[in-house]
Amino acid sequence: MKSAKPFEFGGVTVNPGSRATIALPMARLYTSNEMTLPVQVVHGRSSGPVLFVSAAVHGDEINGVEIVRRLLISRSLKNLRGTLLAVPVANPFGFIQRSRYLPDRRDLNRSFPGKVKGSLAGRLAHLFMTEIGSRCDFGIDLHTGSNFRSNLPQIRACLDDAKTIELASAFGAPIVVPSELREGSLREAVAALGKPVLVFEGGEALYFNESVIRTGLRGILKLMRHTGMLAADKRAKYREPIITDRTSWVRANMSGTFSLKVKLGGLIKKGNLLGVLSDPFGDDREEVIAPFTGVVIGQLNLPLAHEGDALIHLAKVPDHDEAEEVLDEYTSTLTEEDFGLER
């Protein structure tokens, strides 16, 4: 096994078998206080891949922040091969303000690869790509639902790339969803460098969800074992996730209050009742029906809906019985022991 060389990052030398938290200068507030992008570099004693794990690209999506924290205190990293670049808060401005956006109202995840002399969002994106994205072999970007919506833990990836599919399956989320590269996203910018990036989605903005956090942590550790960054776990069970080729939001055909009749992760058959829309007087009522057989991977939590609002996100399943087995196994393994958490 080849010994690692020192890793240079942000003007700091990180020796093999050590770690360092490095604050990359980002911008100053108008109070003259300096804002920085905090990154922890964990550098293994042996050479191996370089992985970035980022969270809070949208500042209100905080599940990923806790996933990264638990990853960094995991004893598994003592035997790391390669280098982990952990970015728990990729959008410090939004995180402080509990906001999805930056102070200039731009979405950081629509601003990549950025420009050194661009907008505030563009400058932060450029810093991330220069110091982190370009240094890595692959990455994991952690997200949650937005606008009062919750997501079932899932991997979103470009499924026309064999390496990406391999990594997505190894992560072990219950379902893998096809997702085209979106212009300006971190995933698109890193993919343009020929490097795969997985987007892990789960939970709701501004709330911790324990099962989502555990799934995300377990998935990262599984992926690190799969790529040789950590030793393989011979006891670990492996099951192919549900890989869907179609997802669709079921939308409201009338405005009113929405009474949800299904749960995240629920298997739904075509024609099943998803919920009921009603007006405040009780005069108008409409049942919301599943247009196809699938699994609920997203839902609106706010019971107030305008006509056209997205209510339920369904993913088509190729095999109903197999999907049921995957979802049952996922639920049954959500225990502390199965995740090997160290706090």
C-alpha atoms as a PDB file:
ATOM      1  CA  MET A   1       0.000   0.000   0.000  1.00  0.00           C
ATOM      2  CA  LYS A   2       1.520   3.282  -1.126  1.00  0.00           C
ATOM      3  CA  SER A   3       2.131   5.942   1.522  1.00  0.00           C
ATOM      4  CA  ALA A   4       0.432   9.272   0.990  1.00  0.00           C
ATOM      5  CA  LYS A   5       2.295  12.500   0.392  1.00  0.00           C
ATOM      6  CA  PRO A   6       1.446  15.705   2.289  1.00  0.00           C
ATOM      7  CA  PHE A   7      -1.727  17.385   0.997  1.00  0.00           C
ATOM      8  CA  GLU A   8      -1.550  21.105   0.309  1.00  0.00           C
ATOM      9  CA  PHE A   9      -4.808  22.969   0.808  1.00  0.00           C
ATOM     10  CA  GLY A  10      -5.510  26.669   1.281  1.00  0.00           C
ATOM     11  CA  GLY A  11      -1.873  27.392   2.043  1.00  0.00           C
ATOM     12  CA  VAL A  12      -1.789  24.706   4.746  1.00  0.00           C
ATOM     13  CA  THR A  13       0.196  21.464   4.585  1.00  0.00           C
ATOM     14  CA  VAL A  14      -1.772  18.507   5.936  1.00  0.00           C
ATOM     15  CA  ASN A  15       0.519  15.590   6.703  1.00  0.00           C
ATOM     16  CA  PRO A  16      -0.508  11.946   6.156  1.00  0.00           C
ATOM     17  CA  GLY A  17      -2.559  10.586   9.027  1.00  0.00           C
ATOM     18  CA  SER A  18      -3.699  14.022  10.197  1.00  0.00           C
ATOM     19  CA  ARG A  19      -6.498  16.502   9.675  1.00  0.00           C
ATOM     20  CA  ALA A  20      -6.916  20.264   9.654  1.00  0.00           C
ATOM     21  CA  THR A  21      -9.830  22.682   9.556  1.00  0.00           C
ATOM     22  CA  ILE A  22      -9.053  25.449   7.094  1.00  0.00           C
ATOM     23  CA  ALA A  23     -11.039  28.653   6.609  1.00  0.00           C
ATOM     24  CA  LEU A  24     -10.882  29.782   2.983  1.00  0.00           C
ATOM     25  CA  PRO A  25     -11.242  33.595   2.753  1.00  0.00           C
ATOM     26  CA  MET A  26     -14.463  34.295   0.900  1.00  0.00           C
ATOM     27  CA  ALA A  27     -15.751  37.842   1.291  1.00  0.00           C
ATOM     28  CA  ARG A  28     -16.204  40.576   3.854  1.00  0.00           C
ATOM     29  CA  LEU A  29     -19.480  41.745   5.288  1.00  0.00           C
ATOM     30  CA  TYR A  30     -20.188  45.459   5.094  1.00  0.00           C
ATOM     31  CA  THR A  31     -19.327  45.507   8.813  1.00  0.00           C
ATOM     32  CA  SER A  32     -15.745  44.601   7.760  1.00  0.00           C
ATOM     33  CA  ASN A  33     -16.032  41.145   9.337  1.00  0.00           C
ATOM     34  CA  GLU A  34     -14.482  38.473   7.150  1.00  0.00           C
ATOM     35  CA  MET A  35     -16.598  35.549   5.954  1.00  0.00           C
ATOM     36  CA  THR A  36     -14.838  32.265   5.217  1.00  0.00           C
ATOM     37  CA  LEU A  37     -15.663  28.899   3.698  1.00  0.00           C
ATOM     38  CA  PRO A  38     -14.777  26.290   6.353  1.00  0.00           C
ATOM     39  CA  VAL A  39     -13.330  23.003   5.105  1.00  0.00           C
ATOM     40  CA  GLN A  40     -11.948  20.097   7.108  1.00  0.00           C
ATOM     41  CA  VAL A  41      -9.250  18.087   5.332  1.00  0.00           C
ATOM     42  CA  VAL A  42      -8.875  14.516   6.575  1.00  0.00           C
ATOM     43  CA  HIS A  43      -5.738  13.061   4.984  1.00  0.00           C
ATOM     44  CA  GLY A  44      -5.090   9.324   5.226  1.00  0.00           C
ATOM     45  CA  ARG A  45      -1.727   7.686   5.791  1.00  0.00           C
ATOM     46  CA  SER A  46      -2.088   5.751   2.539  1.00  0.00           C
ATOM     47  CA  SER A  47      -2.765   7.168  -0.901  1.00  0.00           C
ATOM     48  CA  GLY A  48      -6.238   6.875  -2.412  1.00  0.00           C
ATOM     49  CA  PRO A  49      -9.086   8.859  -3.955  1.00  0.00           C
ATOM     50  CA  VAL A  50      -9.987  12.425  -3.015  1.00  0.00           C
ATOM     51  CA  LEU A  51     -13.668  12.810  -2.083  1.00  0.00           C
ATOM     52  CA  PHE A  52     -15.596  15.965  -1.274  1.00  0.00           C
ATOM     53  CA  VAL A  53     -18.776  15.884   0.796  1.00  0.00           C
ATOM     54  CA  SER A  54     -20.688  19.157   0.827  1.00  0.00           C
ATOM     55  CA  ALA A  55     -23.817  20.318   2.618  1.00  0.00           C
ATOM     56  CA  ALA A  56     -25.889  23.487   2.932  1.00  0.00           C
ATOM     57  CA  VAL A  57     -25.270  24.667  -0.618  1.00  0.00           C
ATOM     58  CA  HIS A  58     -28.791  25.856   0.081  1.00  0.00           C
ATOM     59  CA  GLY A  59     -28.374  27.465   3.480  1.00  0.00           C
ATOM     60  CA  ASP A  60     -31.646  26.198   4.954  1.00  0.00           C
ATOM     61  CA  GLU A  61     -30.993  22.532   4.106  1.00  0.00           C
ATOM     62  CA  ILE A  62     -29.397  21.485   7.368  1.00  0.00           C
ATOM     63  CA  ASN A  63     -29.729  17.681   7.490  1.00  0.00           C
ATOM     64  CA  GLY A  64     -26.478  17.447   5.551  1.00  0.00           C
ATOM     65  CA  VAL A  65     -24.649  19.593   8.097  1.00  0.00           C
ATOM     66  CA  GLU A  66     -25.365  16.989  10.757  1.00  0.00           C
ATOM     67  CA  ILE A  67     -24.435  14.151   8.392  1.00  0.00           C
ATOM     68  CA  VAL A  68     -21.023  15.727   7.805  1.00  0.00           C
ATOM     69  CA  ARG A  69     -20.531  16.319  11.531  1.00  0.00           C
ATOM     70  CA  ARG A  70     -21.192  12.659  12.317  1.00  0.00           C
ATOM     71  CA  LEU A  71     -18.960  11.574   9.459  1.00  0.00           C
ATOM     72  CA  LEU A  72     -16.068  13.605  10.822  1.00  0.00           C
ATOM     73  CA  ILE A  73     -16.318  12.046  14.297  1.00  0.00           C
ATOM     74  CA  SER A  74     -16.594   8.508  12.951  1.00  0.00           C
ATOM     75  CA  ARG A  75     -13.761   6.233  14.107  1.00  0.00           C
ATOM     76  CA  SER A  76     -13.775   4.707  10.631  1.00  0.00           C
ATOM     77  CA  LEU A  77     -11.790   7.685   9.354  1.00  0.00           C
ATOM     78  CA  LYS A  78      -8.764   6.623  11.419  1.00  0.00           C
ATOM     79  CA  ASN A  79      -8.059   4.048   8.708  1.00  0.00           C
ATOM     80  CA  LEU A  80      -8.756   6.363   5.782  1.00  0.00           C
ATOM     81  CA  ARG A  81      -6.985   5.804   2.489  1.00  0.00           C
ATOM     82  CA  GLY A  82      -6.934   8.947   0.397  1.00  0.00           C
ATOM     83  CA  THR A  83      -8.348  12.331   1.335  1.00  0.00           C
ATOM     84  CA  LEU A  84     -11.717  13.623   2.468  1.00  0.00           C
ATOM     85  CA  LEU A  85     -12.626  17.274   1.939  1.00  0.00           C
ATOM     86  CA  ALA A  86     -15.618  17.920   4.200  1.00  0.00           C
ATOM     87  CA  VAL A  87     -17.627  21.107   3.631  1.00  0.00           C
ATOM     88  CA  PRO A  88     -20.469  21.112   6.175  1.00  0.00           C
ATOM     89  CA  VAL A  89     -21.638  24.626   5.269  1.00  0.00           C
ATOM     90  CA  ALA A  90     -21.010  25.482   1.628  1.00  0.00           C
ATOM     91  CA  ASN A  91     -23.223  28.589   1.826  1.00  0.00           C
ATOM     92  CA  PRO A  92     -22.338  30.283   5.130  1.00  0.00           C
ATOM     93  CA  PHE A  93     -24.357  33.412   4.272  1.00  0.00           C
ATOM     94  CA  GLY A  94     -27.576  31.457   3.750  1.00  0.00           C
ATOM     95  CA  PHE A  95     -26.900  29.186   6.723  1.00  0.00           C
ATOM     96  CA  ILE A  96     -26.566  32.120   9.102  1.00  0.00           C
ATOM     97  CA  GLN A  97     -29.778  33.678   7.775  1.00  0.00           C
ATOM     98  CA  ARG A  98     -31.611  30.297   7.629  1.00  0.00           C
ATOM     99  CA  SER A  99     -32.184  31.051   3.968  1.00  0.00           C
ATOM    100  CA  ARG A 100     -31.865  29.022   0.789  1.00  0.00           C
ATOM    101  CA  TYR A 101     -30.162  31.928  -0.972  1.00  0.00           C
ATOM    102  CA  LEU A 102     -27.264  34.323  -0.618  1.00  0.00           C
ATOM    103  CA  PRO A 103     -27.734  37.998   0.330  1.00  0.00           C
ATOM    104  CA  ASP A 104     -27.841  38.889  -3.392  1.00  0.00           C
ATOM    105  CA  ARG A 105     -30.905  36.575  -3.682  1.00  0.00           C
ATOM    106  CA  ARG A 106     -29.021  34.255  -5.990  1.00  0.00           C
ATOM    107  CA  ASP A 107     -29.137  30.492  -5.729  1.00  0.00           C
ATOM    108  CA  LEU A 108     -25.610  29.168  -5.219  1.00  0.00           C
ATOM    109  CA  ASN A 109     -26.615  25.928  -6.932  1.00  0.00           C
ATOM    110  CA  ARG A 110     -27.383  27.854 -10.113  1.00  0.00           C
ATOM    111  CA  SER A 111     -24.140  29.850 -10.034  1.00  0.00           C
ATOM    112  CA  PHE A 112     -21.435  27.254 -10.766  1.00  0.00           C
ATOM    113  CA  PRO A 113     -18.682  27.233 -11.954  1.00  0.00           C
ATOM    114  CA  GLY A 114     -18.721  30.906 -11.046  1.00  0.00           C
ATOM    115  CA  LYS A 115     -16.362  33.765 -11.778  1.00  0.00           C
ATOM    116  CA  VAL A 116     -13.620  35.334  -9.714  1.00  0.00           C
ATOM    117  CA  LYS A 117     -15.055  38.801 -10.502  1.00  0.00           C
ATOM    118  CA  GLY A 118     -18.705  37.774 -10.663  1.00  0.00           C
ATOM    119  CA  SER A 119     -21.617  38.199  -8.243  1.00  0.00           C
ATOM    120  CA  LEU A 120     -21.280  37.152  -4.607  1.00  0.00           C
ATOM    121  CA  ALA A 121     -22.799  33.759  -5.507  1.00  0.00           C
ATOM    122  CA  GLY A 122     -20.502  33.482  -8.527  1.00  0.00           C
ATOM    123  CA  ARG A 123     -17.417  34.264  -6.459  1.00  0.00           C
ATOM    124  CA  LEU A 124     -18.324  31.669  -3.831  1.00  0.00           C
ATOM    125  CA  ALA A 125     -18.989  29.075  -6.557  1.00  0.00           C
ATOM    126  CA  HIS A 126     -15.625  29.886  -8.170  1.00  0.00           C
ATOM    127  CA  LEU A 127     -13.842  29.495  -4.832  1.00  0.00           C
ATOM    128  CA  PHE A 128     -15.501  26.119  -4.256  1.00  0.00           C
ATOM    129  CA  MET A 129     -14.621  24.848  -7.720  1.00  0.00           C
ATOM    130  CA  THR A 130     -11.022  26.102  -7.583  1.00  0.00           C
ATOM    131  CA  GLU A 131     -10.173  24.793  -4.130  1.00  0.00           C
ATOM    132  CA  ILE A 132     -12.447  21.755  -3.814  1.00  0.00           C
ATOM    133  CA  GLY A 133     -14.241  20.619  -6.976  1.00  0.00           C
ATOM    134  CA  SER A 134     -11.133  20.568  -9.143  1.00  0.00           C
ATOM    135  CA  ARG A 135      -9.110  18.697  -6.488  1.00  0.00           C
ATOM    136  CA  CYS A 136     -11.441  15.707  -6.136  1.00  0.00           C
ATOM    137  CA  ASP A 137     -12.041  12.431  -7.931  1.00  0.00           C
ATOM    138  CA  PHE A 138     -15.746  12.387  -7.045  1.00  0.00           C
ATOM    139  CA  GLY A 139     -18.188  14.120  -4.742  1.00  0.00           C
ATOM    140  CA  ILE A 140     -21.393  13.839  -2.712  1.00  0.00           C
ATOM    141  CA  ASP A 141     -23.657  16.868  -2.374  1.00  0.00           C
ATOM    142  CA  LEU A 142     -26.249  16.677   0.436  1.00  0.00           C
ATOM    143  CA  HIS A 143     -29.681  18.307   0.060  1.00  0.00           C
ATOM    144  CA  THR A 144     -33.230  18.268   1.462  1.00  0.00           C
ATOM    145  CA  GLY A 145     -36.651  19.168   0.154  1.00  0.00           C
ATOM    146  CA  SER A 146     -37.599  22.841  -0.136  1.00  0.00           C
ATOM    147  CA  ASN A 147     -40.726  24.994   0.065  1.00  0.00           C
ATOM    148  CA  PHE A 148     -42.425  22.948   2.812  1.00  0.00           C
ATOM    149  CA  ARG A 149     -41.727  19.653   1.038  1.00  0.00           C
ATOM    150  CA  SER A 150     -40.115  16.502   2.437  1.00  0.00           C
ATOM    151  CA  ASN A 151     -38.160  13.961   0.419  1.00  0.00           C
ATOM    152  CA  LEU A 152     -37.678  10.254   0.978  1.00  0.00           C
ATOM    153  CA  PRO A 153     -33.936   9.526   1.167  1.00  0.00           C
ATOM    154  CA  GLN A 154     -32.840   9.150  -2.446  1.00  0.00           C
ATOM    155  CA  ILE A 155     -29.910   9.542  -4.776  1.00  0.00           C
ATOM    156  CA  ARG A 156     -30.318  11.787  -7.788  1.00  0.00           C
ATOM    157  CA  ALA A 157     -27.868  11.111 -10.569  1.00  0.00           C
ATOM    158  CA  CYS A 158     -27.301  11.074 -14.295  1.00  0.00           C
ATOM    159  CA  LEU A 159     -28.151   7.482 -15.168  1.00  0.00           C
ATOM    160  CA  ASP A 160     -26.534   7.441 -18.603  1.00  0.00           C
ATOM    161  CA  ASP A 161     -23.082   7.256 -16.990  1.00  0.00           C
ATOM    162  CA  ALA A 162     -22.007   3.763 -15.887  1.00  0.00           C
ATOM    163  CA  LYS A 163     -19.605   4.977 -13.169  1.00  0.00           C
ATOM    164  CA  THR A 164     -22.261   7.226 -11.668  1.00  0.00           C
ATOM    165  CA  ILE A 165     -24.788   4.370 -11.590  1.00  0.00           C
ATOM    166  CA  GLU A 166     -22.200   2.175  -9.859  1.00  0.00           C
ATOM    167  CA  LEU A 167     -21.586   4.787  -7.166  1.00  0.00           C
ATOM    168  CA  ALA A 168     -25.308   5.518  -6.780  1.00  0.00           C
ATOM    169  CA  SER A 169     -26.056   1.820  -6.222  1.00  0.00           C
ATOM    170  CA  ALA A 170     -23.184   1.462  -3.756  1.00  0.00           C
ATOM    171  CA  PHE A 171     -24.499   4.351  -1.642  1.00  0.00           C
ATOM    172  CA  GLY A 172     -27.460   2.240  -0.594  1.00  0.00           C
ATOM    173  CA  ALA A 173     -30.320   4.761  -0.482  1.00  0.00           C
ATOM    174  CA  PRO A 174     -33.657   3.001  -1.075  1.00  0.00           C
ATOM    175  CA  ILE A 175     -34.193   4.615  -4.479  1.00  0.00           C
ATOM    176  CA  VAL A 176     -32.129   6.136  -7.287  1.00  0.00           C
ATOM    177  CA  VAL A 177     -33.847   8.834  -9.340  1.00  0.00           C
ATOM    178  CA  PRO A 178     -32.775  10.003 -12.811  1.00  0.00           C
ATOM    179  CA  SER A 179     -31.815  13.652 -12.781  1.00  0.00           C
ATOM    180  CA  GLU A 180     -30.537  15.617 -15.742  1.00  0.00           C
ATOM    181  CA  LEU A 181     -27.578  17.907 -15.180  1.00  0.00           C
ATOM    182  CA  ARG A 182     -28.996  21.328 -14.390  1.00  0.00           C
ATOM    183  CA  GLU A 183     -27.230  24.398 -15.704  1.00  0.00           C
ATOM    184  CA  GLY A 184     -25.314  26.226 -13.009  1.00  0.00           C
ATOM    185  CA  SER A 185     -25.454  23.389 -10.492  1.00  0.00           C
ATOM    186  CA  LEU A 186     -22.462  22.092  -8.559  1.00  0.00           C
ATOM    187  CA  ARG A 187     -23.083  18.650 -10.049  1.00  0.00           C
ATOM    188  CA  GLU A 188     -22.969  19.989 -13.603  1.00  0.00           C
ATOM    189  CA  ALA A 189     -19.786  21.979 -12.975  1.00  0.00           C
ATOM    190  CA  VAL A 190     -17.923  19.002 -11.502  1.00  0.00           C
ATOM    191  CA  ALA A 191     -19.293  16.636 -14.163  1.00  0.00           C
ATOM    192  CA  ALA A 192     -17.838  18.986 -16.801  1.00  0.00           C
ATOM    193  CA  LEU A 193     -14.437  18.065 -15.339  1.00  0.00           C
ATOM    194  CA  GLY A 194     -15.190  14.398 -15.958  1.00  0.00           C
ATOM    195  CA  LYS A 195     -15.903  13.608 -12.308  1.00  0.00           C
ATOM    196  CA  PRO A 196     -19.084  11.954 -10.976  1.00  0.00           C
ATOM    197  CA  VAL A 197     -21.167  13.651  -8.286  1.00  0.00           C
ATOM    198  CA  LEU A 198     -24.096  12.148  -6.406  1.00  0.00           C
ATOM    199  CA  VAL A 199     -26.855  14.303  -4.956  1.00  0.00           C
ATOM    200  CA  PHE A 200     -28.376  12.840  -1.789  1.00  0.00           C
ATOM    201  CA  GLU A 201     -31.846  14.196  -1.023  1.00  0.00           C
ATOM    202  CA  GLY A 202     -33.795  13.598   2.156  1.00  0.00           C
ATOM    203  CA  GLY A 203     -36.022  15.357   4.667  1.00  0.00           C
ATOM    204  CA  GLU A 204     -37.240  18.944   4.849  1.00  0.00           C
ATOM    205  CA  ALA A 205     -35.472  22.295   5.029  1.00  0.00           C
ATOM    206  CA  LEU A 206     -34.673  23.688   8.514  1.00  0.00           C
ATOM    207  CA  TYR A 207     -35.461  20.400  10.289  1.00  0.00           C
ATOM    208  CA  PHE A 208     -33.331  17.457  11.376  1.00  0.00           C
ATOM    209  CA  ASN A 209     -34.684  14.046  10.397  1.00  0.00           C
ATOM    210  CA  GLU A 210     -32.899  11.229  12.195  1.00  0.00           C
ATOM    211  CA  SER A 211     -33.640   8.489   9.671  1.00  0.00           C
ATOM    212  CA  VAL A 212     -32.444  10.731   6.826  1.00  0.00           C
ATOM    213  CA  ILE A 213     -29.262  11.622   8.715  1.00  0.00           C
ATOM    214  CA  ARG A 214     -28.516   7.972   9.443  1.00  0.00           C
ATOM    215  CA  THR A 215     -29.183   6.972   5.836  1.00  0.00           C
ATOM    216  CA  GLY A 216     -26.900   9.700   4.544  1.00  0.00           C
ATOM    217  CA  LEU A 217     -24.072   8.812   6.918  1.00  0.00           C
ATOM    218  CA  ARG A 218     -24.366   5.106   6.190  1.00  0.00           C
ATOM    219  CA  GLY A 219     -24.396   5.812   2.455  1.00  0.00           C
ATOM    220  CA  ILE A 220     -21.218   7.889   2.553  1.00  0.00           C
ATOM    221  CA  LEU A 221     -19.384   5.228   4.556  1.00  0.00           C
ATOM    222  CA  LYS A 222     -20.615   2.529   2.149  1.00  0.00           C
ATOM    223  CA  LEU A 223     -19.400   4.549  -0.805  1.00  0.00           C
ATOM    224  CA  MET A 224     -16.012   5.100   0.832  1.00  0.00           C
ATOM    225  CA  ARG A 225     -15.698   1.339   1.362  1.00  0.00           C
ATOM    226  CA  HIS A 226     -16.753   0.644  -2.217  1.00  0.00           C
ATOM    227  CA  THR A 227     -14.091   2.982  -3.597  1.00  0.00           C
ATOM    228  CA  GLY A 228     -11.314   1.664  -1.332  1.00  0.00           C
ATOM    229  CA  MET A 229     -11.116   4.716   0.938  1.00  0.00           C
ATOM    230  CA  LEU A 230     -12.143   2.509   3.862  1.00  0.00           C
ATOM    231  CA  ALA A 231     -11.702  -1.206   4.426  1.00  0.00           C
ATOM    232  CA  ALA A 232     -14.549  -3.356   3.154  1.00  0.00           C
ATOM    233  CA  ASP A 233     -17.102  -4.541   5.704  1.00  0.00           C
ATOM    234  CA  LYS A 234     -17.545  -8.276   5.078  1.00  0.00           C
ATOM    235  CA  ARG A 235     -20.615  -8.356   7.321  1.00  0.00           C
ATOM    236  CA  ALA A 236     -22.459  -5.698   5.350  1.00  0.00           C
ATOM    237  CA  LYS A 237     -25.476  -6.768   3.324  1.00  0.00           C
ATOM    238  CA  TYR A 238     -25.908  -5.402  -0.157  1.00  0.00           C
ATOM    239  CA  ARG A 239     -29.163  -4.969  -2.007  1.00  0.00           C
ATOM    240  CA  GLU A 240     -29.733  -3.172  -5.276  1.00  0.00           C
ATOM    241  CA  PRO A 241     -31.802  -0.015  -4.756  1.00  0.00           C
ATOM    242  CA  ILE A 242     -34.944   0.744  -6.691  1.00  0.00           C
ATOM    243  CA  ILE A 243     -33.792   2.452  -9.884  1.00  0.00           C
ATOM    244  CA  THR A 244     -36.656   4.344 -11.432  1.00  0.00           C
ATOM    245  CA  ASP A 245     -36.809   5.754 -14.935  1.00  0.00           C
ATOM    246  CA  ARG A 246     -39.720   8.093 -14.313  1.00  0.00           C
ATOM    247  CA  THR A 247     -40.857  10.510 -11.635  1.00  0.00           C
ATOM    248  CA  SER A 248     -43.748  12.940 -11.659  1.00  0.00           C
ATOM    249  CA  TRP A 249     -45.311  15.466  -9.318  1.00  0.00           C
ATOM    250  CA  VAL A 250     -49.069  15.110  -8.875  1.00  0.00           C
ATOM    251  CA  ARG A 251     -50.473  18.648  -8.861  1.00  0.00           C
ATOM    252  CA  ALA A 252     -53.556  20.301  -7.418  1.00  0.00           C
ATOM    253  CA  ASN A 253     -56.446  20.850  -9.818  1.00  0.00           C
ATOM    254  CA  MET A 254     -58.114  23.277  -7.402  1.00  0.00           C
ATOM    255  CA  SER A 255     -57.048  25.595  -4.592  1.00  0.00           C
ATOM    256  CA  GLY A 256     -57.825  24.666  -1.012  1.00  0.00           C
ATOM    257  CA  THR A 257     -56.631  22.682   1.959  1.00  0.00           C
ATOM    258  CA  PHE A 258     -54.915  19.385   1.296  1.00  0.00           C
ATOM    259  CA  SER A 259     -55.469  16.334   3.489  1.00  0.00           C
ATOM    260  CA  LEU A 260     -52.664  13.860   2.854  1.00  0.00           C
ATOM    261  CA  LYS A 261     -53.586  10.155   2.840  1.00  0.00           C
ATOM    262  CA  VAL A 262     -50.192   8.569   2.116  1.00  0.00           C
ATOM    263  CA  LYS A 263     -46.708   8.571   3.637  1.00  0.00           C
ATOM    264  CA  LEU A 264     -43.174   8.968   2.325  1.00  0.00           C
ATOM    265  CA  GLY A 265     -41.924   5.609   1.145  1.00  0.00           C
ATOM    266  CA  GLY A 266     -45.437   4.287   0.665  1.00  0.00           C
ATOM    267  CA  LEU A 267     -46.049   1.985  -2.304  1.00  0.00           C
ATOM    268  CA  ILE A 268     -49.020   3.245  -4.275  1.00  0.00           C
ATOM    269  CA  LYS A 269     -50.969   1.511  -6.998  1.00  0.00           C
ATOM    270  CA  LYS A 270     -52.526   3.335  -9.941  1.00  0.00           C
ATOM    271  CA  GLY A 271     -55.910   4.691  -8.888  1.00  0.00           C
ATOM    272  CA  ASN A 272     -55.135   4.796  -5.144  1.00  0.00           C
ATOM    273  CA  LEU A 273     -56.234   7.822  -3.133  1.00  0.00           C
ATOM    274  CA  LEU A 274     -53.310  10.170  -2.385  1.00  0.00           C
ATOM    275  CA  GLY A 275     -55.231  12.919  -0.610  1.00  0.00           C
ATOM    276  CA  VAL A 276     -58.216  15.201  -0.681  1.00  0.00           C
ATOM    277  CA  LEU A 277     -58.471  18.871  -1.631  1.00  0.00           C
ATOM    278  CA  SER A 278     -61.287  20.930  -0.101  1.00  0.00           C
ATOM    279  CA  ASP A 279     -62.323  24.561  -0.045  1.00  0.00           C
ATOM    280  CA  PRO A 280     -62.722  26.295   3.366  1.00  0.00           C
ATOM    281  CA  PHE A 281     -66.520  26.087   3.199  1.00  0.00           C
ATOM    282  CA  GLY A 282     -66.700  22.404   2.381  1.00  0.00           C
ATOM    283  CA  ASP A 283     -68.620  23.054  -0.816  1.00  0.00           C
ATOM    284  CA  ASP A 284     -65.957  21.819  -3.216  1.00  0.00           C
ATOM    285  CA  ARG A 285     -63.971  18.648  -2.749  1.00  0.00           C
ATOM    286  CA  GLU A 286     -61.649  16.728  -5.041  1.00  0.00           C
ATOM    287  CA  GLU A 287     -59.890  13.424  -4.540  1.00  0.00           C
ATOM    288  CA  VAL A 288     -56.269  13.299  -5.688  1.00  0.00           C
ATOM    289  CA  ILE A 289     -55.621   9.961  -7.395  1.00  0.00           C
ATOM    290  CA  ALA A 290     -52.346   8.200  -8.255  1.00  0.00           C
ATOM    291  CA  PRO A 291     -51.794   8.320 -12.031  1.00  0.00           C
ATOM    292  CA  PHE A 292     -49.477   5.282 -12.000  1.00  0.00           C
ATOM    293  CA  THR A 293     -48.039   2.633  -9.681  1.00  0.00           C
ATOM    294  CA  GLY A 294     -45.035   3.877  -7.743  1.00  0.00           C
ATOM    295  CA  VAL A 295     -43.475   4.935  -4.464  1.00  0.00           C
ATOM    296  CA  VAL A 296     -43.986   8.290  -2.725  1.00  0.00           C
ATOM    297  CA  ILE A 297     -40.575  10.025  -2.779  1.00  0.00           C
ATOM    298  CA  GLY A 298     -41.742  13.561  -1.949  1.00  0.00           C
ATOM    299  CA  GLN A 299     -44.712  15.306  -0.405  1.00  0.00           C
ATOM    300  CA  LEU A 300     -46.053  18.734   0.443  1.00  0.00           C
ATOM    301  CA  ASN A 301     -46.214  19.182   4.227  1.00  0.00           C
ATOM    302  CA  LEU A 302     -48.046  22.505   4.195  1.00  0.00           C
ATOM    303  CA  PRO A 303     -51.791  21.747   3.938  1.00  0.00           C
ATOM    304  CA  LEU A 304     -52.474  24.900   1.909  1.00  0.00           C
ATOM    305  CA  ALA A 305     -52.393  24.569  -1.854  1.00  0.00           C
ATOM    306  CA  HIS A 306     -53.030  26.737  -4.867  1.00  0.00           C
ATOM    307  CA  GLU A 307     -54.222  25.311  -8.142  1.00  0.00           C
ATOM    308  CA  GLY A 308     -51.177  23.859  -9.892  1.00  0.00           C
ATOM    309  CA  ASP A 309     -49.119  23.329  -6.731  1.00  0.00           C
ATOM    310  CA  ALA A 310     -47.031  20.155  -6.495  1.00  0.00           C
ATOM    311  CA  LEU A 311     -48.536  17.839  -3.880  1.00  0.00           C
ATOM    312  CA  ILE A 312     -47.068  14.343  -4.161  1.00  0.00           C
ATOM    313  CA  HIS A 313     -43.888  13.216  -5.932  1.00  0.00           C
ATOM    314  CA  LEU A 314     -44.213   9.686  -7.304  1.00  0.00           C
ATOM    315  CA  ALA A 315     -41.470   7.469  -8.706  1.00  0.00           C
ATOM    316  CA  LYS A 316     -42.476   4.652 -11.004  1.00  0.00           C
ATOM    317  CA  VAL A 317     -41.313   1.213  -9.833  1.00  0.00           C
ATOM    318  CA  PRO A 318     -40.405  -1.494 -12.356  1.00  0.00           C
ATOM    319  CA  ASP A 319     -41.384  -4.349 -10.014  1.00  0.00           C
ATOM    320  CA  HIS A 320     -43.920  -3.784  -7.220  1.00  0.00           C
ATOM    321  CA  ASP A 321     -42.942  -6.830  -5.119  1.00  0.00           C
ATOM    322  CA  GLU A 322     -39.218  -6.168  -5.393  1.00  0.00           C
ATOM    323  CA  ALA A 323     -39.724  -2.510  -4.487  1.00  0.00           C
ATOM    324  CA  GLU A 324     -41.691  -3.583  -1.432  1.00  0.00           C
ATOM    325  CA  GLU A 325     -38.790  -5.790  -0.311  1.00  0.00           C
ATOM    326  CA  VAL A 326     -36.275  -2.950  -0.762  1.00  0.00           C
ATOM    327  CA  LEU A 327     -38.400  -0.494   1.219  1.00  0.00           C
ATOM    328  CA  ASP A 328     -39.124  -3.015   3.986  1.00  0.00           C
ATOM    329  CA  GLU A 329     -35.422  -3.819   4.343  1.00  0.00           C
ATOM    330  CA  TYR A 330     -34.525  -0.115   4.387  1.00  0.00           C
ATOM    331  CA  THR A 331     -37.005   0.518   7.203  1.00  0.00           C
ATOM    332  CA  SER A 332     -35.864  -2.500   9.207  1.00  0.00           C
ATOM    333  CA  THR A 333     -32.193  -1.478   9.115  1.00  0.00           C
ATOM    334  CA  LEU A 334     -32.730   1.977  10.612  1.00  0.00           C
ATOM    335  CA  THR A 335     -31.090   1.090  13.932  1.00  0.00           C
ATOM    336  CA  GLU A 336     -28.073   2.533  15.670  1.00  0.00           C
ATOM    337  CA  GLU A 337     -26.170  -0.756  15.433  1.00  0.00           C
ATOM    338  CA  ASP A 338     -26.638  -1.068  11.691  1.00  0.00           C
ATOM    339  CA  PHE A 339     -25.069   2.306  11.089  1.00  0.00           C
ATOM    340  CA  GLY A 340     -21.980   1.865  13.243  1.00  0.00           C
ATOM    341  CA  LEU A 341     -22.291   5.416  14.539  1.00  0.00           C
ATOM    342  CA  GLU A 342     -19.651   6.815  16.848  1.00  0.00           C
ATOM    343  CA  ARG A 343     -20.387  10.052  18.608  1.00  0.00           C
END
